[in-house]
Amino acid sequence: MKRQLGAFTLGLAILLGLTLGPAVQTPAQAKTGLIMGVTLEPPHLDPTAGAPAAIDEIVYANVFEGLTRIDAQGQVKPGLAERWVIEDDGMTYRFILRPGVTFHDGAALEASDVKFSFERAVADDSENAQKGLFSAIDSIEAPDDKTVILKLNRKEGLLLWNLGWGDAVIVDPASAADNKTHPIGTGPFKFVDWTQGDQVRLTRNPDYWGTAAALDAATFKFIPDPAAQVAALLAGDVDVIPNIGAPEAVAQFQADPRFQVLVGTTEGETILAMNQRRPLLQDVRVRRAIQHAIDRQAVIDGAMFGFGTPIGSHFAPHSPAYTDLTGVTPYDPEKAKALLAEAGVAPGTKLVMKLPPPVYARRGGEVVAAQLQAVGFDVDQIPVDWGQWVSEVFKGDHDFDLTIVSHTEPLDIGIYARDDYYFGYDNPAFKELMLKIDGVSDPAQRNTLYKEAQRMLADDAVNGFLFQLAKVAVAKKELKGLWANAPIQANDLTGVKWE
């Protein structure tokens, strides 16, 4: 592990040393487009039909929009609905759609499109990864072209927030089937083309209902290799990397007047997920032993060069409902060994850890594997691409023991109440608690219940809770309007411009 990291860092240092020498000064040229480098290529481009954040990071707010939208501060704002009325009992929501909104193919946005979109999302054959967002909706009515009425089966304090997710964007029945490869939405940018393995191109939508985008075009280039990301920035091949995969290079960019570095927070709880379908991992003593074997700060330092915040449960530290539970299972290798002995786990027991492409997973996996091996496990690290991770870990047969992944969906502790979710946690008491939270609209009361939910997950040692993923963007200094934080998995370009 040390040899691999050392070689990478040395190669990067050489690259930086060569590139950061005397720069050739060229006259400034006015720019009207943007090239953004992103780590992952999405499996497709329909945010209502897949879990990967890579989809939303290209199309959310740019191509597709929902009734509401989440802004840079994480606040709910009007989207395709210009306003709404909530009945006194909290069980009926009436949305009024904006006039003059059209899809990119010219079709007018109507209430029937909203009805279709939500019914499609919850259908038995739906591929929507967040059906729970719509679980409180009992019926959908479209009394006229601009009015949508949602009647609930229970109070849902987060309904307006839920409808701002990428999974809840509005699609046109006529084009929905082709959105995976040719997305058609209502947003400020239109899809141009997708060169597999290379890039997705968008162009400004001249018929956008709102304020026109300042950029006339946007290209998302797929650059999975961290060193290649650095090289692309330095060579001017890309204008921004919204979450750079080479955190060890950040100091170099901070010292370079050509660039700006934006360090913010994300909703990404990075976890060592444990497959509780495996008999070994059904034993809470084994899960606690795994947690005690992990030095969270060492993982942050080794994988992210110090960028990240340790967590002890599945909740973002910047939330007012957060409670610090890292002390429930602190780093204690001897305690880990004792628990494994108590559970009858023999030294050399094998664990298969499947690691998706992101740097936090691959580098973090090396650190975690070494820590688990130190308490007696034999860890087999298997790198997989994103498609393999979805098919082998997230879906299908759930063929894994361990995996490392960041859950970047906002306020997503409710995933632990889902039936047959990929890590296999099944606790009726937790499900009941989440239902109780869903029915509470008072923020203070909700926060108290969220703290109770965090404690339950920590006590059950459901997963190895590692750290909250930081957002570290590197961009050309003239680029303005980028989001510093990531309250939702998105690269919203609506306010981005060159100065």
Protein backbone atom coordinates (compact mmCIF):
# COMPACT_ATOMS: atom_id res chain seq x y z
CA MET A 1 0.00 0.00 0.00
CA LYS A 2 2.75 2.45 0.93
CA ARG A 3 4.69 1.63 -2.21
CA GLN A 4 1.67 2.26 -4.42
CA LEU A 5 0.80 5.58 -2.80
CA GLY A 6 4.42 6.64 -2.81
CA ALA A 7 4.80 5.94 -6.50
CA PHE A 8 1.63 7.85 -7.30
CA THR A 9 2.70 10.86 -5.24
CA LEU A 10 6.19 10.88 -6.75
CA GLY A 11 4.80 10.74 -10.27
CA LEU A 12 2.39 13.53 -9.48
CA ALA A 13 5.15 15.63 -7.94
CA ILE A 14 7.22 15.24 -11.11
CA LEU A 15 4.22 16.21 -13.19
CA LEU A 16 3.55 19.27 -11.07
CA GLY A 17 7.19 20.26 -11.04
CA LEU A 18 7.36 20.18 -14.80
CA THR A 19 4.09 21.97 -15.38
CA LEU A 20 4.26 24.65 -12.73
CA GLY A 21 7.42 26.14 -14.13
CA PRO A 22 7.46 29.45 -16.01
CA ALA A 23 4.13 29.79 -17.77
CA VAL A 24 3.78 31.09 -21.29
CA GLN A 25 1.64 34.24 -21.12
CA THR A 26 -1.06 34.45 -23.75
CA PRO A 27 -3.66 37.16 -24.30
CA ALA A 28 -6.87 36.60 -22.37
CA GLN A 29 -9.69 35.28 -24.52
CA ALA A 30 -13.34 35.69 -23.68
CA LYS A 31 -14.89 32.36 -22.84
CA THR A 32 -18.52 31.48 -23.23
CA GLY A 33 -18.46 27.73 -22.68
CA LEU A 34 -17.32 25.46 -19.89
CA ILE A 35 -15.42 22.17 -19.78
CA MET A 36 -15.88 20.33 -16.50
CA GLY A 37 -13.89 17.23 -15.61
CA VAL A 38 -15.79 14.57 -13.66
CA THR A 39 -14.50 11.35 -12.20
CA LEU A 40 -17.26 8.92 -13.13
CA GLU A 41 -19.08 8.29 -16.36
CA PRO A 42 -22.76 7.62 -15.65
CA PRO A 43 -24.32 4.34 -16.79
CA HIS A 44 -27.05 6.41 -18.46
CA LEU A 45 -28.58 9.90 -18.25
CA ASP A 46 -32.02 9.33 -16.69
CA PRO A 47 -31.94 10.41 -13.01
CA THR A 48 -35.31 8.74 -12.41
CA ALA A 49 -33.99 5.31 -13.37
CA GLY A 50 -30.75 4.77 -11.49
CA ALA A 51 -28.92 5.29 -8.20
CA PRO A 52 -25.45 6.53 -9.29
CA ALA A 53 -24.72 10.14 -8.36
CA ALA A 54 -22.83 10.46 -11.66
CA ILE A 55 -26.18 10.80 -13.45
CA ASP A 56 -27.45 13.71 -11.36
CA GLU A 57 -24.04 15.39 -11.45
CA ILE A 58 -24.57 16.02 -15.16
CA VAL A 59 -28.31 16.43 -15.70
CA TYR A 60 -29.88 17.64 -12.43
CA ALA A 61 -30.97 21.31 -12.71
CA ASN A 62 -29.11 21.53 -16.02
CA VAL A 63 -31.31 19.30 -18.19
CA PHE A 64 -34.06 18.09 -15.83
CA GLU A 65 -36.07 19.95 -13.21
CA GLY A 66 -38.61 19.07 -10.53
CA LEU A 67 -41.58 20.80 -8.97
CA THR A 68 -39.15 22.15 -6.37
CA ARG A 69 -35.40 22.53 -6.47
CA ILE A 70 -32.57 22.50 -3.92
CA ASP A 71 -30.31 25.55 -4.02
CA ALA A 72 -26.63 25.99 -3.12
CA GLN A 73 -27.50 26.51 0.57
CA GLY A 74 -29.64 23.38 0.71
CA GLN A 75 -32.89 25.34 0.82
CA VAL A 76 -36.08 24.34 -0.99
CA LYS A 77 -37.03 26.77 -3.75
CA PRO A 78 -39.79 26.86 -6.39
CA GLY A 79 -38.95 24.90 -9.51
CA LEU A 80 -41.47 23.98 -12.17
CA ALA A 81 -44.10 24.80 -9.58
CA GLU A 82 -44.16 28.57 -9.11
CA ARG A 83 -46.07 28.22 -5.85
CA TRP A 84 -47.95 25.74 -3.67
CA VAL A 85 -50.60 25.63 -0.96
CA ILE A 86 -50.65 23.14 1.91
CA GLU A 87 -54.05 22.41 3.47
CA ASP A 88 -54.41 22.91 7.22
CA ASP A 89 -54.36 19.18 7.93
CA GLY A 90 -51.00 18.83 6.14
CA MET A 91 -52.37 16.03 3.98
CA THR A 92 -53.08 17.87 0.73
CA TYR A 93 -50.59 19.84 -1.39
CA ARG A 94 -51.77 21.94 -4.34
CA PHE A 95 -49.02 22.92 -6.82
CA ILE A 96 -49.44 25.61 -9.47
CA LEU A 97 -47.15 25.08 -12.48
CA ARG A 98 -45.29 27.91 -14.18
CA PRO A 99 -46.81 29.15 -17.43
CA GLY A 100 -44.92 28.91 -20.70
CA VAL A 101 -42.66 25.98 -19.77
CA THR A 102 -41.74 23.62 -22.59
CA PHE A 103 -39.64 20.51 -22.86
CA HIS A 104 -36.59 20.62 -25.11
CA ASP A 105 -38.56 18.98 -27.93
CA GLY A 106 -41.17 21.75 -27.82
CA ALA A 107 -43.87 19.89 -25.88
CA ALA A 108 -45.66 22.04 -23.31
CA LEU A 109 -45.33 21.15 -19.63
CA GLU A 110 -48.74 20.16 -18.27
CA ALA A 111 -50.07 18.76 -15.01
CA SER A 112 -50.57 15.41 -16.70
CA ASP A 113 -46.78 15.19 -17.14
CA VAL A 114 -46.30 15.52 -13.38
CA LYS A 115 -48.93 12.84 -12.75
CA PHE A 116 -47.23 10.56 -15.27
CA SER A 117 -43.77 11.18 -13.79
CA PHE A 118 -44.75 10.32 -10.22
CA GLU A 119 -46.88 7.32 -11.18
CA ARG A 120 -44.04 6.05 -13.35
CA ALA A 121 -41.62 6.46 -10.44
CA VAL A 122 -43.60 4.17 -8.13
CA ALA A 123 -44.79 1.63 -10.70
CA ASP A 124 -43.98 -2.02 -10.08
CA ASP A 125 -41.55 -2.07 -13.02
CA SER A 126 -39.98 1.30 -12.11
CA GLU A 127 -36.20 1.60 -12.01
CA ASN A 128 -36.38 4.62 -9.70
CA ALA A 129 -33.82 4.16 -6.92
CA GLN A 130 -35.70 6.42 -4.48
CA LYS A 131 -39.29 5.18 -4.49
CA GLY A 132 -39.44 6.08 -0.81
CA LEU A 133 -39.54 9.75 -1.78
CA PHE A 134 -43.08 9.19 -3.02
CA SER A 135 -44.30 6.76 -0.35
CA ALA A 136 -46.48 9.35 1.41
CA ILE A 137 -48.39 10.18 -1.78
CA ASP A 138 -51.78 8.45 -1.85
CA SER A 139 -53.18 10.00 -5.02
CA ILE A 140 -52.29 12.51 -7.73
CA GLU A 141 -54.87 14.68 -9.42
CA ALA A 142 -54.54 17.01 -12.41
CA PRO A 143 -57.81 19.02 -12.47
CA ASP A 144 -56.43 21.34 -15.14
CA ASP A 145 -53.24 21.80 -17.17
CA LYS A 146 -51.48 23.93 -14.53
CA THR A 147 -52.69 22.41 -11.24
CA VAL A 148 -51.39 19.29 -9.50
CA ILE A 149 -52.96 18.04 -6.28
CA LEU A 150 -51.10 15.53 -4.13
CA LYS A 151 -53.13 13.82 -1.42
CA LEU A 152 -51.06 12.05 1.23
CA ASN A 153 -51.63 8.90 3.25
CA ARG A 154 -49.68 10.38 6.15
CA LYS A 155 -48.00 13.64 7.05
CA GLU A 156 -44.63 14.04 5.37
CA GLY A 157 -42.59 16.90 6.71
CA LEU A 158 -39.97 16.51 3.97
CA LEU A 159 -42.27 16.29 0.97
CA LEU A 160 -41.15 19.58 -0.62
CA TRP A 161 -37.51 18.60 -0.05
CA ASN A 162 -38.08 15.13 -1.50
CA LEU A 163 -39.62 16.57 -4.65
CA GLY A 164 -36.42 18.55 -5.25
CA TRP A 165 -34.30 15.41 -5.74
CA GLY A 166 -33.10 14.25 -9.13
CA ASP A 167 -35.23 11.12 -8.75
CA ALA A 168 -38.35 13.32 -8.73
CA VAL A 169 -37.72 15.41 -11.87
CA ILE A 170 -40.56 15.78 -14.34
CA VAL A 171 -40.39 13.96 -17.66
CA ASP A 172 -42.53 13.97 -20.78
CA PRO A 173 -44.42 10.71 -21.49
CA ALA A 174 -43.53 11.00 -25.17
CA SER A 175 -39.77 11.04 -24.57
CA ALA A 176 -39.36 9.31 -21.18
CA ALA A 177 -38.41 5.94 -22.66
CA ASP A 178 -35.36 7.44 -24.40
CA ASN A 179 -34.06 9.61 -21.56
CA LYS A 180 -31.26 7.19 -20.72
CA THR A 181 -29.49 7.99 -23.97
CA HIS A 182 -31.19 11.16 -25.21
CA PRO A 183 -32.48 13.10 -22.19
CA ILE A 184 -35.21 15.66 -22.82
CA GLY A 185 -36.12 17.92 -19.92
CA THR A 186 -37.17 21.49 -19.25
CA GLY A 187 -33.85 22.86 -17.96
CA PRO A 188 -31.58 25.72 -19.08
CA PHE A 189 -29.38 23.32 -21.08
CA LYS A 190 -30.25 20.88 -23.83
CA PHE A 191 -28.53 17.58 -24.52
CA VAL A 192 -26.30 17.54 -27.60
CA ASP A 193 -24.49 14.21 -27.60
CA TRP A 194 -22.72 11.59 -25.50
CA THR A 195 -19.42 10.14 -26.67
CA GLN A 196 -19.11 6.97 -24.63
CA GLY A 197 -15.92 6.89 -22.58
CA ASP A 198 -15.17 10.54 -23.30
CA GLN A 199 -17.77 13.26 -22.70
CA VAL A 200 -21.35 14.54 -22.59
CA ARG A 201 -22.10 17.85 -24.31
CA LEU A 202 -24.89 20.29 -23.51
CA THR A 203 -25.91 23.55 -25.14
CA ARG A 204 -27.88 26.52 -23.82
CA ASN A 205 -31.65 26.17 -24.15
CA PRO A 206 -32.83 29.32 -26.03
CA ASP A 207 -36.45 28.67 -24.97
CA TYR A 208 -35.82 28.30 -21.26
CA TRP A 209 -38.67 29.60 -19.08
CA GLY A 210 -36.34 31.21 -16.50
CA THR A 211 -33.19 33.31 -16.55
CA ALA A 212 -31.05 32.16 -19.45
CA ALA A 213 -27.77 30.44 -18.62
CA ALA A 214 -24.69 32.64 -18.96
CA LEU A 215 -22.78 29.75 -20.53
CA ASP A 216 -23.62 28.92 -24.11
CA ALA A 217 -22.34 25.34 -23.77
CA ALA A 218 -21.11 22.87 -21.20
CA THR A 219 -19.03 19.74 -21.68
CA PHE A 220 -18.57 17.07 -19.00
CA LYS A 221 -15.35 15.14 -19.64
CA PHE A 222 -14.81 11.81 -17.90
CA ILE A 223 -11.40 11.70 -16.21
CA PRO A 224 -11.29 8.85 -13.68
CA ASP A 225 -7.54 8.96 -13.05
CA PRO A 226 -6.49 11.50 -10.37
CA ALA A 227 -3.14 12.30 -12.00
CA ALA A 228 -4.89 12.85 -15.32
CA GLN A 229 -7.28 15.29 -13.62
CA VAL A 230 -4.34 17.33 -12.38
CA ALA A 231 -2.69 17.25 -15.79
CA ALA A 232 -5.91 18.32 -17.52
CA LEU A 233 -6.29 21.33 -15.22
CA LEU A 234 -2.69 22.44 -15.61
CA ALA A 235 -2.78 22.04 -19.38
CA GLY A 236 -6.02 24.02 -19.65
CA ASP A 237 -7.91 21.06 -21.11
CA VAL A 238 -10.63 21.50 -18.48
CA ASP A 239 -11.83 24.59 -16.63
CA VAL A 240 -12.88 22.96 -13.38
CA ILE A 241 -12.84 19.68 -11.48
CA PRO A 242 -15.73 19.95 -8.99
CA ASN A 243 -14.37 17.24 -6.71
CA ILE A 244 -10.72 16.58 -7.44
CA GLY A 245 -9.50 13.03 -7.02
CA ALA A 246 -5.94 14.04 -6.09
CA PRO A 247 -6.24 15.82 -2.74
CA GLU A 248 -2.47 15.74 -2.36
CA ALA A 249 -2.29 18.27 -5.22
CA VAL A 250 -4.56 20.84 -3.56
CA ALA A 251 -1.73 22.80 -1.94
CA GLN A 252 -0.05 23.22 -5.32
CA PHE A 253 -3.22 24.67 -6.84
CA GLN A 254 -3.75 26.96 -3.84
CA ALA A 255 -0.30 28.42 -4.53
CA ASP A 256 -0.95 28.88 -8.26
CA PRO A 257 -2.55 32.27 -9.12
CA ARG A 258 -4.25 30.76 -12.15
CA PHE A 259 -6.59 28.71 -9.97
CA GLN A 260 -9.05 28.90 -7.13
CA VAL A 261 -9.71 26.09 -4.64
CA LEU A 262 -13.15 25.77 -3.05
CA VAL A 263 -13.35 23.51 0.01
CA GLY A 264 -16.86 22.68 1.18
CA THR A 265 -19.07 19.97 2.57
CA THR A 266 -21.13 17.24 0.99
CA GLU A 267 -23.95 14.94 2.00
CA GLY A 268 -21.60 12.02 1.33
CA GLU A 269 -21.44 9.65 4.29
CA THR A 270 -18.54 7.39 3.38
CA ILE A 271 -19.11 3.95 4.84
CA LEU A 272 -17.57 0.51 4.96
CA ALA A 273 -20.81 -1.28 4.12
CA MET A 274 -21.19 -4.77 5.57
CA ASN A 275 -23.41 -7.34 3.87
CA GLN A 276 -25.56 -8.64 6.69
CA ARG A 277 -26.87 -11.44 4.49
CA ARG A 278 -23.57 -13.14 5.25
CA PRO A 279 -23.82 -15.30 8.42
CA LEU A 280 -20.49 -13.95 9.70
CA LEU A 281 -21.67 -10.34 9.48
CA GLN A 282 -25.04 -11.04 11.09
CA ASP A 283 -23.21 -11.23 14.41
CA VAL A 284 -23.16 -7.75 15.96
CA ARG A 285 -19.94 -8.65 17.79
CA VAL A 286 -18.19 -9.14 14.46
CA ARG A 287 -19.52 -5.87 13.10
CA ARG A 288 -18.38 -4.06 16.24
CA ALA A 289 -14.99 -5.71 15.97
CA ILE A 290 -14.65 -4.41 12.41
CA GLN A 291 -15.53 -0.92 13.60
CA HIS A 292 -13.03 -1.09 16.47
CA ALA A 293 -10.35 -2.18 13.99
CA ILE A 294 -10.74 1.00 11.94
CA ASP A 295 -8.76 4.16 12.63
CA ARG A 296 -11.02 6.72 10.93
CA GLN A 297 -8.46 9.51 10.92
CA ALA A 298 -5.86 7.21 9.35
CA VAL A 299 -8.35 6.43 6.58
CA ILE A 300 -8.99 10.15 6.01
CA ASP A 301 -5.27 10.93 5.98
CA GLY A 302 -4.35 7.97 3.79
CA ALA A 303 -7.18 8.24 1.29
CA MET A 304 -8.01 11.95 1.27
CA PHE A 305 -4.87 13.69 2.60
CA GLY A 306 -6.82 14.98 5.58
CA PHE A 307 -9.94 16.20 3.77
CA GLY A 308 -12.93 14.70 5.58
CA THR A 309 -14.68 14.55 8.95
CA PRO A 310 -14.91 11.34 11.04
CA ILE A 311 -18.46 10.07 11.59
CA GLY A 312 -19.91 7.45 13.92
CA SER A 313 -23.30 7.03 12.28
CA HIS A 314 -25.02 7.83 9.00
CA PHE A 315 -25.52 11.60 9.28
CA ALA A 316 -23.84 14.77 8.01
CA PRO A 317 -21.85 16.69 10.67
CA HIS A 318 -23.03 20.05 9.33
CA SER A 319 -26.68 19.19 10.06
CA PRO A 320 -28.29 20.66 13.20
CA ALA A 321 -29.58 17.15 13.94
CA TYR A 322 -26.10 15.59 13.98
CA THR A 323 -24.76 13.88 17.08
CA ASP A 324 -21.12 12.79 17.37
CA LEU A 325 -21.11 9.03 17.94
CA THR A 326 -17.52 8.27 16.96
CA GLY A 327 -16.92 7.31 20.58
CA VAL A 328 -19.37 4.39 20.45
CA THR A 329 -16.83 2.19 18.67
CA PRO A 330 -13.47 3.99 18.87
CA TYR A 331 -10.30 2.66 17.30
CA ASP A 332 -9.25 -0.22 19.58
CA PRO A 333 -7.55 -3.19 17.84
CA GLU A 334 -7.29 -5.20 21.06
CA LYS A 335 -11.01 -4.82 21.68
CA ALA A 336 -11.58 -5.92 18.09
CA LYS A 337 -9.50 -9.07 18.61
CA ALA A 338 -11.34 -9.86 21.85
CA LEU A 339 -14.75 -9.54 20.20
CA LEU A 340 -13.69 -11.75 17.30
CA ALA A 341 -12.43 -14.40 19.73
CA GLU A 342 -15.69 -14.18 21.67
CA ALA A 343 -17.64 -14.66 18.43
CA GLY A 344 -15.48 -17.68 17.48
CA VAL A 345 -13.99 -16.07 14.38
CA ALA A 346 -10.77 -17.85 13.48
CA PRO A 347 -7.67 -15.86 12.48
CA GLY A 348 -7.33 -15.76 8.71
CA THR A 349 -11.09 -15.59 8.08
CA LYS A 350 -11.56 -14.21 4.57
CA LEU A 351 -13.56 -11.10 3.68
CA VAL A 352 -14.16 -9.96 0.10
CA MET A 353 -14.10 -6.17 -0.28
CA LYS A 354 -15.34 -4.84 -3.63
CA LEU A 355 -14.13 -1.32 -4.34
CA PRO A 356 -15.71 1.05 -6.92
CA PRO A 357 -13.53 3.54 -8.84
CA PRO A 358 -13.58 6.71 -6.66
CA VAL A 359 -10.32 7.58 -4.94
CA TYR A 360 -11.90 7.51 -1.49
CA ALA A 361 -12.90 3.88 -2.13
CA ARG A 362 -9.73 2.55 -3.75
CA ARG A 363 -7.24 4.31 -1.46
CA GLY A 364 -9.51 3.98 1.56
CA GLY A 365 -9.85 0.28 0.82
CA GLU A 366 -6.10 -0.20 1.06
CA VAL A 367 -5.99 1.47 4.48
CA VAL A 368 -9.04 -0.36 5.82
CA ALA A 369 -7.81 -3.72 4.51
CA ALA A 370 -4.49 -3.27 6.33
CA GLN A 371 -6.33 -2.37 9.54
CA LEU A 372 -8.61 -5.41 9.30
CA GLN A 373 -5.68 -7.68 8.54
CA ALA A 374 -4.00 -6.37 11.70
CA VAL A 375 -6.81 -7.89 13.81
CA GLY A 376 -6.82 -11.23 11.99
CA PHE A 377 -8.89 -11.00 8.82
CA ASP A 378 -7.68 -11.97 5.34
CA VAL A 379 -9.10 -9.24 3.11
CA ASP A 380 -9.37 -9.75 -0.64
CA GLN A 381 -9.61 -6.33 -2.34
CA ILE A 382 -11.41 -6.49 -5.69
CA PRO A 383 -11.51 -3.28 -7.79
CA VAL A 384 -14.70 -3.04 -9.86
CA ASP A 385 -16.01 -0.45 -12.26
CA TRP A 386 -19.16 1.47 -11.45
CA GLY A 387 -21.41 -0.77 -13.55
CA GLN A 388 -20.05 -3.87 -11.83
CA TRP A 389 -20.56 -2.29 -8.43
CA VAL A 390 -24.21 -1.57 -9.20
CA SER A 391 -24.88 -5.06 -10.58
CA GLU A 392 -22.82 -7.11 -8.11
CA VAL A 393 -23.12 -5.09 -4.89
CA PHE A 394 -26.10 -2.73 -5.04
CA LYS A 395 -28.43 -4.96 -7.02
CA GLY A 396 -28.64 -8.59 -8.05
CA ASP A 397 -27.25 -11.20 -5.68
CA HIS A 398 -25.45 -8.69 -3.42
CA ASP A 399 -22.25 -10.66 -3.98
CA PHE A 400 -19.86 -9.04 -1.51
CA ASP A 401 -18.82 -8.98 2.13
CA LEU A 402 -17.60 -5.39 2.35
CA THR A 403 -17.56 -2.34 0.12
CA ILE A 404 -16.67 1.34 0.52
CA VAL A 405 -19.01 3.92 -0.92
CA SER A 406 -20.17 7.47 -0.24
CA HIS A 407 -23.93 7.90 0.02
CA THR A 408 -24.29 11.38 -1.41
CA GLU A 409 -28.08 11.61 -1.31
CA PRO A 410 -29.18 14.34 1.10
CA LEU A 411 -30.65 13.40 4.47
CA ASP A 412 -30.73 9.73 3.50
CA ILE A 413 -30.71 7.95 6.87
CA GLY A 414 -34.03 6.46 5.77
CA ILE A 415 -32.21 3.98 3.53
CA TYR A 416 -31.70 1.84 6.64
CA ALA A 417 -35.47 1.28 6.79
CA ARG A 418 -35.69 -0.10 3.25
CA ASP A 419 -36.53 -3.70 2.64
CA ASP A 420 -33.83 -5.73 0.90
CA TYR A 421 -31.40 -2.81 0.67
CA TYR A 422 -27.92 -3.81 -0.41
CA PHE A 423 -26.31 -4.11 3.04
CA GLY A 424 -29.26 -6.12 4.38
CA TYR A 425 -30.05 -4.31 7.65
CA ASP A 426 -33.52 -5.26 8.91
CA ASN A 427 -34.62 -3.72 12.19
CA PRO A 428 -38.39 -3.25 12.75
CA ALA A 429 -37.72 -0.76 15.55
CA PHE A 430 -35.70 1.44 13.20
CA LYS A 431 -38.42 1.24 10.53
CA GLU A 432 -41.00 2.31 13.10
CA LEU A 433 -38.80 5.21 14.16
CA MET A 434 -38.44 6.43 10.58
CA LEU A 435 -42.20 6.30 10.07
CA LYS A 436 -42.55 8.41 13.20
CA ILE A 437 -40.04 10.94 11.83
CA ASP A 438 -41.91 11.11 8.53
CA GLY A 439 -45.01 12.30 10.31
CA VAL A 440 -43.33 15.12 12.24
CA SER A 441 -43.08 18.59 10.73
CA ASP A 442 -41.65 20.45 13.74
CA PRO A 443 -37.87 20.82 13.08
CA ALA A 444 -36.81 20.54 16.73
CA GLN A 445 -38.84 17.38 17.27
CA ARG A 446 -37.55 15.88 14.03
CA ASN A 447 -33.96 16.61 15.08
CA THR A 448 -34.48 14.83 18.40
CA LEU A 449 -35.81 11.76 16.59
CA TYR A 450 -32.97 11.90 14.06
CA LYS A 451 -30.49 11.77 16.94
CA GLU A 452 -32.28 8.70 18.28
CA ALA A 453 -32.03 7.08 14.84
CA GLN A 454 -28.31 7.81 14.62
CA ARG A 455 -27.76 6.22 18.03
CA MET A 456 -29.67 3.09 17.00
CA LEU A 457 -27.47 2.62 13.91
CA ALA A 458 -24.31 3.19 15.95
CA ASP A 459 -25.36 0.73 18.67
CA ASP A 460 -26.22 -1.87 16.03
CA ALA A 461 -22.84 -1.29 14.33
CA VAL A 462 -24.73 -1.56 11.06
CA ASN A 463 -21.81 -0.46 8.91
CA GLY A 464 -18.31 0.87 9.40
CA PHE A 465 -19.02 4.61 9.49
CA LEU A 466 -15.82 6.24 8.20
CA PHE A 467 -16.02 9.93 7.28
CA GLN A 468 -18.06 12.68 5.68
CA LEU A 469 -16.73 13.32 2.20
CA ALA A 470 -15.37 16.81 1.64
CA LYS A 471 -15.97 18.71 -1.60
CA VAL A 472 -12.71 20.09 -2.94
CA ALA A 473 -13.08 21.89 -6.25
CA VAL A 474 -10.27 23.32 -8.35
CA ALA A 475 -11.22 25.86 -11.01
CA LYS A 476 -9.79 28.64 -13.11
CA LYS A 477 -9.86 31.84 -11.09
CA GLU A 478 -12.14 33.68 -13.54
CA LEU A 479 -14.94 31.14 -13.14
CA LYS A 480 -17.71 32.34 -10.82
CA GLY A 481 -20.97 30.89 -9.50
CA LEU A 482 -19.73 27.40 -8.67
CA TRP A 483 -21.23 25.68 -5.64
CA ALA A 484 -18.73 25.39 -2.78
CA ASN A 485 -20.91 22.88 -0.91
CA ALA A 486 -22.92 19.96 -2.23
CA PRO A 487 -26.27 19.85 -0.43
CA ILE A 488 -27.47 17.62 -3.24
CA GLN A 489 -25.58 15.52 -5.78
CA ALA A 490 -25.37 18.06 -8.57
CA ASN A 491 -23.19 20.35 -10.63
CA ASP A 492 -25.78 23.07 -11.10
CA LEU A 493 -24.49 25.40 -13.84
CA THR A 494 -27.44 27.81 -13.90
CA GLY A 495 -25.47 30.55 -12.15
CA VAL A 496 -22.00 29.83 -13.48
CA LYS A 497 -20.26 32.49 -15.59
CA TRP A 498 -16.87 33.84 -16.59
CA GLU A 499 -15.63 37.18 -15.24
